Amino acid sequence: NIDRYIRLQITQMDYRDRSQAEHQRLLDACRQGDAQAAVEILTHHIGEAADQLVLYLLRTSQQPAPPPRLRSRLQAPLEV
């Protein structure tokens, strides 16, 4: 169940505005019939949301080292 993670992103990570903007871009691409842009926007949206959630969870927990693709991003401030 991903509901708890979505709630976490909205309540703790201040991700709602960014998410809504990305959703709007996705809808705009769909309305324009630009399937390639829609796929790119959706892929980026899901990937970024997942990465931000993993980074947040790692920063707020006692987990061991992050996955290699996220190690450099763990030192940077969260993008919201």
PDB file of N, CA and C in Angstrom:
ATOM      1  N   ASN A   1       0.837  -1.185   0.000  1.00  0.00           N
ATOM      2  CA  ASN A   1       0.000   0.000   0.000  1.00  0.00           C
ATOM      3  C   ASN A   1       0.879   1.244   0.000  1.00  0.00           C
ATOM      4  N   ILE A   2       0.734   2.059  -1.011  1.00  0.00           N
ATOM      5  CA  ILE A   2       1.586   3.243  -1.120  1.00  0.00           C
ATOM      6  C   ILE A   2       0.970   4.482  -0.484  1.00  0.00           C
ATOM      7  N   ASP A   3      -0.233   4.355   0.026  1.00  0.00           N
ATOM      8  CA  ASP A   3      -0.916   5.517   0.604  1.00  0.00           C
ATOM      9  C   ASP A   3      -0.065   6.194   1.670  1.00  0.00           C
ATOM     10  N   ARG A   4       0.579   5.433   2.546  1.00  0.00           N
ATOM     11  CA  ARG A   4       1.372   6.044   3.617  1.00  0.00           C
ATOM     12  C   ARG A   4       2.544   6.835   3.063  1.00  0.00           C
ATOM     13  N   TYR A   5       3.108   6.392   1.941  1.00  0.00           N
ATOM     14  CA  TYR A   5       4.231   7.111   1.348  1.00  0.00           C
ATOM     15  C   TYR A   5       3.765   8.386   0.639  1.00  0.00           C
ATOM     16  N   ILE A   6       2.615   8.314   0.011  1.00  0.00           N
ATOM     17  CA  ILE A   6       2.059   9.515  -0.622  1.00  0.00           C
ATOM     18  C   ILE A   6       1.734  10.548   0.450  1.00  0.00           C
ATOM     19  N   ARG A   7       1.137  10.104   1.537  1.00  0.00           N
ATOM     20  CA  ARG A   7       0.835  11.018   2.645  1.00  0.00           C
ATOM     21  C   ARG A   7       2.116  11.626   3.204  1.00  0.00           C
ATOM     22  N   LEU A   8       3.151  10.830   3.321  1.00  0.00           N
ATOM     23  CA  LEU A   8       4.437  11.315   3.817  1.00  0.00           C
ATOM     24  C   LEU A   8       4.991  12.393   2.891  1.00  0.00           C
ATOM     25  N   GLN A   9       4.929  12.151   1.593  1.00  0.00           N
ATOM     26  CA  GLN A   9       5.419  13.148   0.647  1.00  0.00           C
ATOM     27  C   GLN A   9       4.640  14.450   0.750  1.00  0.00           C
ATOM     28  N   ILE A  10       3.354  14.354   0.936  1.00  0.00           N
ATOM     29  CA  ILE A  10       2.518  15.555   0.998  1.00  0.00           C
ATOM     30  C   ILE A  10       2.696  16.285   2.327  1.00  0.00           C
ATOM     31  N   THR A  11       2.709  15.545   3.433  1.00  0.00           N
ATOM     32  CA  THR A  11       2.722  16.183   4.741  1.00  0.00           C
ATOM     33  C   THR A  11       4.113  16.518   5.265  1.00  0.00           C
ATOM     34  N   GLN A  12       5.100  15.699   4.962  1.00  0.00           N
ATOM     35  CA  GLN A  12       6.429  15.902   5.530  1.00  0.00           C
ATOM     36  C   GLN A  12       7.450  16.468   4.546  1.00  0.00           C
ATOM     37  N   MET A  13       7.213  16.271   3.273  1.00  0.00           N
ATOM     38  CA  MET A  13       8.225  16.643   2.287  1.00  0.00           C
ATOM     39  C   MET A  13       7.826  17.851   1.444  1.00  0.00           C
ATOM     40  N   ASP A  14       6.663  18.392   1.676  1.00  0.00           N
ATOM     41  CA  ASP A  14       6.200  19.565   0.942  1.00  0.00           C
ATOM     42  C   ASP A  14       6.310  19.336  -0.568  1.00  0.00           C
ATOM     43  N   TYR A  15       5.824  18.208  -1.009  1.00  0.00           N
ATOM     44  CA  TYR A  15       5.947  17.803  -2.415  1.00  0.00           C
ATOM     45  C   TYR A  15       4.691  18.099  -3.226  1.00  0.00           C
ATOM     46  N   ARG A  16       3.621  18.499  -2.564  1.00  0.00           N
ATOM     47  CA  ARG A  16       2.329  18.650  -3.240  1.00  0.00           C
ATOM     48  C   ARG A  16       2.385  19.649  -4.400  1.00  0.00           C
ATOM     49  N   ASP A  17       2.921  20.843  -4.196  1.00  0.00           N
ATOM     50  CA  ASP A  17       2.946  21.853  -5.262  1.00  0.00           C
ATOM     51  C   ASP A  17       3.739  21.364  -6.471  1.00  0.00           C
ATOM     52  N   ARG A  18       4.879  20.779  -6.205  1.00  0.00           N
ATOM     53  CA  ARG A  18       5.699  20.262  -7.304  1.00  0.00           C
ATOM     54  C   ARG A  18       4.960  19.144  -8.036  1.00  0.00           C
ATOM     55  N   SER A  19       4.354  18.266  -7.281  1.00  0.00           N
ATOM     56  CA  SER A  19       3.617  17.160  -7.879  1.00  0.00           C
ATOM     57  C   SER A  19       2.467  17.667  -8.739  1.00  0.00           C
ATOM     58  N   GLN A  20       1.725  18.630  -8.225  1.00  0.00           N
ATOM     59  CA  GLN A  20       0.599  19.177  -8.984  1.00  0.00           C
ATOM     60  C   GLN A  20       1.079  19.842 -10.272  1.00  0.00           C
ATOM     61  N   ALA A  21       2.201  20.541 -10.222  1.00  0.00           N
ATOM     62  CA  ALA A  21       2.750  21.172 -11.428  1.00  0.00           C
ATOM     63  C   ALA A  21       3.136  20.108 -12.458  1.00  0.00           C
ATOM     64  N   GLU A  22       3.718  19.025 -11.984  1.00  0.00           N
ATOM     65  CA  GLU A  22       4.090  17.943 -12.899  1.00  0.00           C
ATOM     66  C   GLU A  22       2.846  17.273 -13.475  1.00  0.00           C
ATOM     67  N   HIS A  23       1.822  17.116 -12.667  1.00  0.00           N
ATOM     68  CA  HIS A  23       0.569  16.550 -13.171  1.00  0.00           C
ATOM     69  C   HIS A  23      -0.036  17.457 -14.245  1.00  0.00           C
ATOM     70  N   GLN A  24       0.035  18.752 -14.024  1.00  0.00           N
ATOM     71  CA  GLN A  24      -0.498  19.693 -15.011  1.00  0.00           C
ATOM     72  C   GLN A  24       0.272  19.594 -16.329  1.00  0.00           C
ATOM     73  N   ARG A  25       1.596  19.504 -16.249  1.00  0.00           N
ATOM     74  CA  ARG A  25       2.414  19.338 -17.461  1.00  0.00           C
ATOM     75  C   ARG A  25       2.034  18.051 -18.191  1.00  0.00           C
ATOM     76  N   LEU A  26       1.792  16.999 -17.438  1.00  0.00           N
ATOM     77  CA  LEU A  26       1.403  15.720 -18.028  1.00  0.00           C
ATOM     78  C   LEU A  26       0.054  15.850 -18.740  1.00  0.00           C
ATOM     79  N   LEU A  27      -0.905  16.477 -18.085  1.00  0.00           N
ATOM     80  CA  LEU A  27      -2.213  16.678 -18.717  1.00  0.00           C
ATOM     81  C   LEU A  27      -2.100  17.540 -19.973  1.00  0.00           C
ATOM     82  N   ASP A  28      -1.293  18.575 -19.915  1.00  0.00           N
ATOM     83  CA  ASP A  28      -1.102  19.443 -21.083  1.00  0.00           C
ATOM     84  C   ASP A  28      -0.542  18.647 -22.266  1.00  0.00           C
ATOM     85  N   ALA A  29       0.441  17.805 -21.992  1.00  0.00           N
ATOM     86  CA  ALA A  29       1.030  16.990 -23.058  1.00  0.00           C
ATOM     87  C   ALA A  29      -0.016  16.036 -23.640  1.00  0.00           C
ATOM     88  N   CYS A  30      -0.826  15.447 -22.776  1.00  0.00           N
ATOM     89  CA  CYS A  30      -1.881  14.540 -23.249  1.00  0.00           C
ATOM     90  C   CYS A  30      -2.906  15.283 -24.093  1.00  0.00           C
ATOM     91  N   ARG A  31      -3.312  16.442 -23.635  1.00  0.00           N
ATOM     92  CA  ARG A  31      -4.294  17.229 -24.386  1.00  0.00           C
ATOM     93  C   ARG A  31      -3.761  17.651 -25.748  1.00  0.00           C
ATOM     94  N   GLN A  32      -2.460  17.846 -25.839  1.00  0.00           N
ATOM     95  CA  GLN A  32      -1.846  18.221 -27.106  1.00  0.00           C
ATOM     96  C   GLN A  32      -1.549  17.011 -27.982  1.00  0.00           C
ATOM     97  N   GLY A  33      -1.819  15.833 -27.463  1.00  0.00           N
ATOM     98  CA  GLY A  33      -1.583  14.617 -28.221  1.00  0.00           C
ATOM     99  C   GLY A  33      -0.114  14.247 -28.341  1.00  0.00           C
ATOM    100  N   ASP A  34       0.702  14.768 -27.437  1.00  0.00           N
ATOM    101  CA  ASP A  34       2.143  14.524 -27.481  1.00  0.00           C
ATOM    102  C   ASP A  34       2.487  13.360 -26.544  1.00  0.00           C
ATOM    103  N   ALA A  35       2.322  12.157 -27.066  1.00  0.00           N
ATOM    104  CA  ALA A  35       2.536  10.956 -26.257  1.00  0.00           C
ATOM    105  C   ALA A  35       3.976  10.840 -25.781  1.00  0.00           C
ATOM    106  N   GLN A  36       4.922  11.194 -26.626  1.00  0.00           N
ATOM    107  CA  GLN A  36       6.330  11.094 -26.231  1.00  0.00           C
ATOM    108  C   GLN A  36       6.630  12.012 -25.050  1.00  0.00           C
ATOM    109  N   ALA A  37       6.147  13.249 -25.110  1.00  0.00           N
ATOM    110  CA  ALA A  37       6.359  14.174 -23.994  1.00  0.00           C
ATOM    111  C   ALA A  37       5.664  13.662 -22.735  1.00  0.00           C
ATOM    112  N   ALA A  38       4.453  13.134 -22.892  1.00  0.00           N
ATOM    113  CA  ALA A  38       3.714  12.616 -21.741  1.00  0.00           C
ATOM    114  C   ALA A  38       4.473  11.476 -21.068  1.00  0.00           C
ATOM    115  N   VAL A  39       5.033  10.581 -21.865  1.00  0.00           N
ATOM    116  CA  VAL A  39       5.807   9.463 -21.311  1.00  0.00           C
ATOM    117  C   VAL A  39       7.039   9.988 -20.589  1.00  0.00           C
ATOM    118  N   GLU A  40       7.727  10.951 -21.180  1.00  0.00           N
ATOM    119  CA  GLU A  40       8.927  11.523 -20.550  1.00  0.00           C
ATOM    120  C   GLU A  40       8.577  12.221 -19.237  1.00  0.00           C
ATOM    121  N   ILE A  41       7.502  12.992 -19.236  1.00  0.00           N
ATOM    122  CA  ILE A  41       7.079  13.703 -18.024  1.00  0.00           C
ATOM    123  C   ILE A  41       6.703  12.706 -16.938  1.00  0.00           C
ATOM    124  N   LEU A  42       5.928  11.691 -17.292  1.00  0.00           N
ATOM    125  CA  LEU A  42       5.488  10.697 -16.314  1.00  0.00           C
ATOM    126  C   LEU A  42       6.668   9.895 -15.767  1.00  0.00           C
ATOM    127  N   THR A  43       7.570   9.498 -16.645  1.00  0.00           N
ATOM    128  CA  THR A  43       8.757   8.753 -16.214  1.00  0.00           C
ATOM    129  C   THR A  43       9.581   9.583 -15.232  1.00  0.00           C
ATOM    130  N   HIS A  44       9.790  10.851 -15.583  1.00  0.00           N
ATOM    131  CA  HIS A  44      10.548  11.744 -14.704  1.00  0.00           C
ATOM    132  C   HIS A  44       9.811  11.938 -13.371  1.00  0.00           C
ATOM    133  N   HIS A  45       8.513  12.159 -13.441  1.00  0.00           N
ATOM    134  CA  HIS A  45       7.708  12.401 -12.241  1.00  0.00           C
ATOM    135  C   HIS A  45       7.789  11.215 -11.271  1.00  0.00           C
ATOM    136  N   ILE A  46       7.589  10.028 -11.784  1.00  0.00           N
ATOM    137  CA  ILE A  46       7.619   8.843 -10.926  1.00  0.00           C
ATOM    138  C   ILE A  46       9.024   8.612 -10.375  1.00  0.00           C
ATOM    139  N   GLY A  47      10.028   8.756 -11.226  1.00  0.00           N
ATOM    140  CA  GLY A  47      11.416   8.552 -10.789  1.00  0.00           C
ATOM    141  C   GLY A  47      11.843   9.553  -9.733  1.00  0.00           C
ATOM    142  N   GLU A  48      11.536  10.821  -9.957  1.00  0.00           N
ATOM    143  CA  GLU A  48      11.907  11.856  -8.992  1.00  0.00           C
ATOM    144  C   GLU A  48      11.165  11.680  -7.674  1.00  0.00           C
ATOM    145  N   ALA A  49       9.889  11.370  -7.742  1.00  0.00           N
ATOM    146  CA  ALA A  49       9.113  11.158  -6.515  1.00  0.00           C
ATOM    147  C   ALA A  49       9.705   9.992  -5.721  1.00  0.00           C
ATOM    148  N   ALA A  50      10.045   8.927  -6.408  1.00  0.00           N
ATOM    149  CA  ALA A  50      10.637   7.768  -5.735  1.00  0.00           C
ATOM    150  C   ALA A  50      11.989   8.117  -5.127  1.00  0.00           C
ATOM    151  N   ASP A  51      12.840   8.792  -5.897  1.00  0.00           N
ATOM    152  CA  ASP A  51      14.167   9.171  -5.390  1.00  0.00           C
ATOM    153  C   ASP A  51      14.052  10.090  -4.176  1.00  0.00           C
ATOM    154  N   GLN A  52      13.177  11.083  -4.251  1.00  0.00           N
ATOM    155  CA  GLN A  52      13.013  12.011  -3.135  1.00  0.00           C
ATOM    156  C   GLN A  52      12.509  11.293  -1.893  1.00  0.00           C
ATOM    157  N   LEU A  53      11.604  10.349  -2.072  1.00  0.00           N
ATOM    158  CA  LEU A  53      11.088   9.590  -0.939  1.00  0.00           C
ATOM    159  C   LEU A  53      12.188   8.733  -0.317  1.00  0.00           C
ATOM    160  N   VAL A  54      12.955   8.045  -1.142  1.00  0.00           N
ATOM    161  CA  VAL A  54      14.053   7.215  -0.624  1.00  0.00           C
ATOM    162  C   VAL A  54      15.057   8.085   0.126  1.00  0.00           C
ATOM    163  N   LEU A  55      15.420   9.229  -0.442  1.00  0.00           N
ATOM    164  CA  LEU A  55      16.367  10.116   0.236  1.00  0.00           C
ATOM    165  C   LEU A  55      15.813  10.602   1.570  1.00  0.00           C
ATOM    166  N   TYR A  56      14.549  10.981   1.589  1.00  0.00           N
ATOM    167  CA  TYR A  56      13.931  11.430   2.838  1.00  0.00           C
ATOM    168  C   TYR A  56      13.960  10.313   3.887  1.00  0.00           C
ATOM    169  N   LEU A  57      13.584   9.120   3.475  1.00  0.00           N
ATOM    170  CA  LEU A  57      13.565   7.998   4.418  1.00  0.00           C
ATOM    171  C   LEU A  57      14.965   7.679   4.926  1.00  0.00           C
ATOM    172  N   LEU A  58      15.962   7.748   4.066  1.00  0.00           N
ATOM    173  CA  LEU A  58      17.336   7.501   4.494  1.00  0.00           C
ATOM    174  C   LEU A  58      17.822   8.573   5.466  1.00  0.00           C
ATOM    175  N   ARG A  59      17.464   9.812   5.200  1.00  0.00           N
ATOM    176  CA  ARG A  59      17.898  10.908   6.069  1.00  0.00           C
ATOM    177  C   ARG A  59      17.222  10.875   7.428  1.00  0.00           C
ATOM    178  N   THR A  60      16.061  10.320   7.508  1.00  0.00           N
ATOM    179  CA  THR A  60      15.311  10.331   8.763  1.00  0.00           C
ATOM    180  C   THR A  60      15.310   8.978   9.457  1.00  0.00           C
ATOM    181  N   SER A  61      16.135   8.069   9.011  1.00  0.00           N
ATOM    182  CA  SER A  61      16.184   6.744   9.623  1.00  0.00           C
ATOM    183  C   SER A  61      17.631   6.362   9.923  1.00  0.00           C
ATOM    184  N   GLN A  62      17.797   5.195  10.432  1.00  0.00           N
ATOM    185  CA  GLN A  62      19.124   4.668  10.753  1.00  0.00           C
ATOM    186  C   GLN A  62      19.577   3.637   9.727  1.00  0.00           C
ATOM    187  N   GLN A  63      19.157   3.823   8.480  1.00  0.00           N
ATOM    188  CA  GLN A  63      19.479   2.870   7.425  1.00  0.00           C
ATOM    189  C   GLN A  63      20.957   2.945   7.050  1.00  0.00           C
ATOM    190  N   PRO A  64      21.494   1.847   6.544  1.00  0.00           N
ATOM    191  CA  PRO A  64      22.868   1.860   6.047  1.00  0.00           C
ATOM    192  C   PRO A  64      22.972   2.703   4.773  1.00  0.00           C
ATOM    193  N   ALA A  65      24.062   2.597   4.091  1.00  0.00           N
ATOM    194  CA  ALA A  65      24.354   3.411   2.901  1.00  0.00           C
ATOM    195  C   ALA A  65      23.232   3.337   1.865  1.00  0.00           C
ATOM    196  N   PRO A  66      22.979   4.460   1.189  1.00  0.00           N
ATOM    197  CA  PRO A  66      21.958   4.485   0.149  1.00  0.00           C
ATOM    198  C   PRO A  66      22.413   3.745  -1.095  1.00  0.00           C
ATOM    199  N   PRO A  67      21.490   3.466  -2.003  1.00  0.00           N
ATOM    200  CA  PRO A  67      21.870   2.852  -3.269  1.00  0.00           C
ATOM    201  C   PRO A  67      22.878   3.748  -3.994  1.00  0.00           C
ATOM    202  N   PRO A  68      23.791   3.174  -4.777  1.00  0.00           N
ATOM    203  CA  PRO A  68      24.827   3.962  -5.449  1.00  0.00           C
ATOM    204  C   PRO A  68      24.292   5.142  -6.254  1.00  0.00           C
ATOM    205  N   ARG A  69      23.165   4.987  -6.950  1.00  0.00           N
ATOM    206  CA  ARG A  69      22.675   6.074  -7.795  1.00  0.00           C
ATOM    207  C   ARG A  69      22.185   7.261  -6.987  1.00  0.00           C
ATOM    208  N   LEU A  70      21.981   7.076  -5.669  1.00  0.00           N
ATOM    209  CA  LEU A  70      21.474   8.164  -4.838  1.00  0.00           C
ATOM    210  C   LEU A  70      22.517   8.729  -3.874  1.00  0.00           C
ATOM    211  N   ARG A  71      23.698   8.148  -3.825  1.00  0.00           N
ATOM    212  CA  ARG A  71      24.692   8.573  -2.835  1.00  0.00           C
ATOM    213  C   ARG A  71      25.056  10.044  -2.945  1.00  0.00           C
ATOM    214  N   SER A  72      25.324  10.526  -4.135  1.00  0.00           N
ATOM    215  CA  SER A  72      25.709  11.938  -4.274  1.00  0.00           C
ATOM    216  C   SER A  72      24.547  12.864  -3.951  1.00  0.00           C
ATOM    217  N   ARG A  73      23.324  12.447  -4.246  1.00  0.00           N
ATOM    218  CA  ARG A  73      22.156  13.277  -3.988  1.00  0.00           C
ATOM    219  C   ARG A  73      21.819  13.344  -2.504  1.00  0.00           C
ATOM    220  N   LEU A  74      22.273  12.370  -1.728  1.00  0.00           N
ATOM    221  CA  LEU A  74      21.971  12.351  -0.305  1.00  0.00           C
ATOM    222  C   LEU A  74      22.625  13.527   0.401  1.00  0.00           C
ATOM    223  N   GLN A  75      23.753  13.990  -0.096  1.00  0.00           N
ATOM    224  CA  GLN A  75      24.446  15.113   0.516  1.00  0.00           C
ATOM    225  C   GLN A  75      23.807  16.447   0.173  1.00  0.00           C
ATOM    226  N   ALA A  76      23.078  16.503  -0.928  1.00  0.00           N
ATOM    227  CA  ALA A  76      22.461  17.751  -1.389  1.00  0.00           C
ATOM    228  C   ALA A  76      21.137  17.971  -0.666  1.00  0.00           C
ATOM    229  N   PRO A  77      20.682  19.227  -0.624  1.00  0.00           N
ATOM    230  CA  PRO A  77      19.377  19.486  -0.016  1.00  0.00           C
ATOM    231  C   PRO A  77      18.269  18.820  -0.815  1.00  0.00           C
ATOM    232  N   LEU A  78      17.189  18.479  -0.146  1.00  0.00           N
ATOM    233  CA  LEU A  78      16.040  17.892  -0.839  1.00  0.00           C
ATOM    234  C   LEU A  78      15.454  18.892  -1.805  1.00  0.00           C
ATOM    235  N   GLU A  79      15.093  18.425  -2.998  1.00  0.00           N
ATOM    236  CA  GLU A  79      14.438  19.267  -3.982  1.00  0.00           C
ATOM    237  C   GLU A  79      12.944  19.158  -3.763  1.00  0.00           C
ATOM    238  N   VAL A  80      12.338  20.258  -3.482  1.00  0.00           N
ATOM    239  CA  VAL A  80      10.874  20.241  -3.324  1.00  0.00           C
ATOM    240  C   VAL A  80      10.236  21.259  -4.211  1.00  0.00           C
TER     241      VAL A  80
END
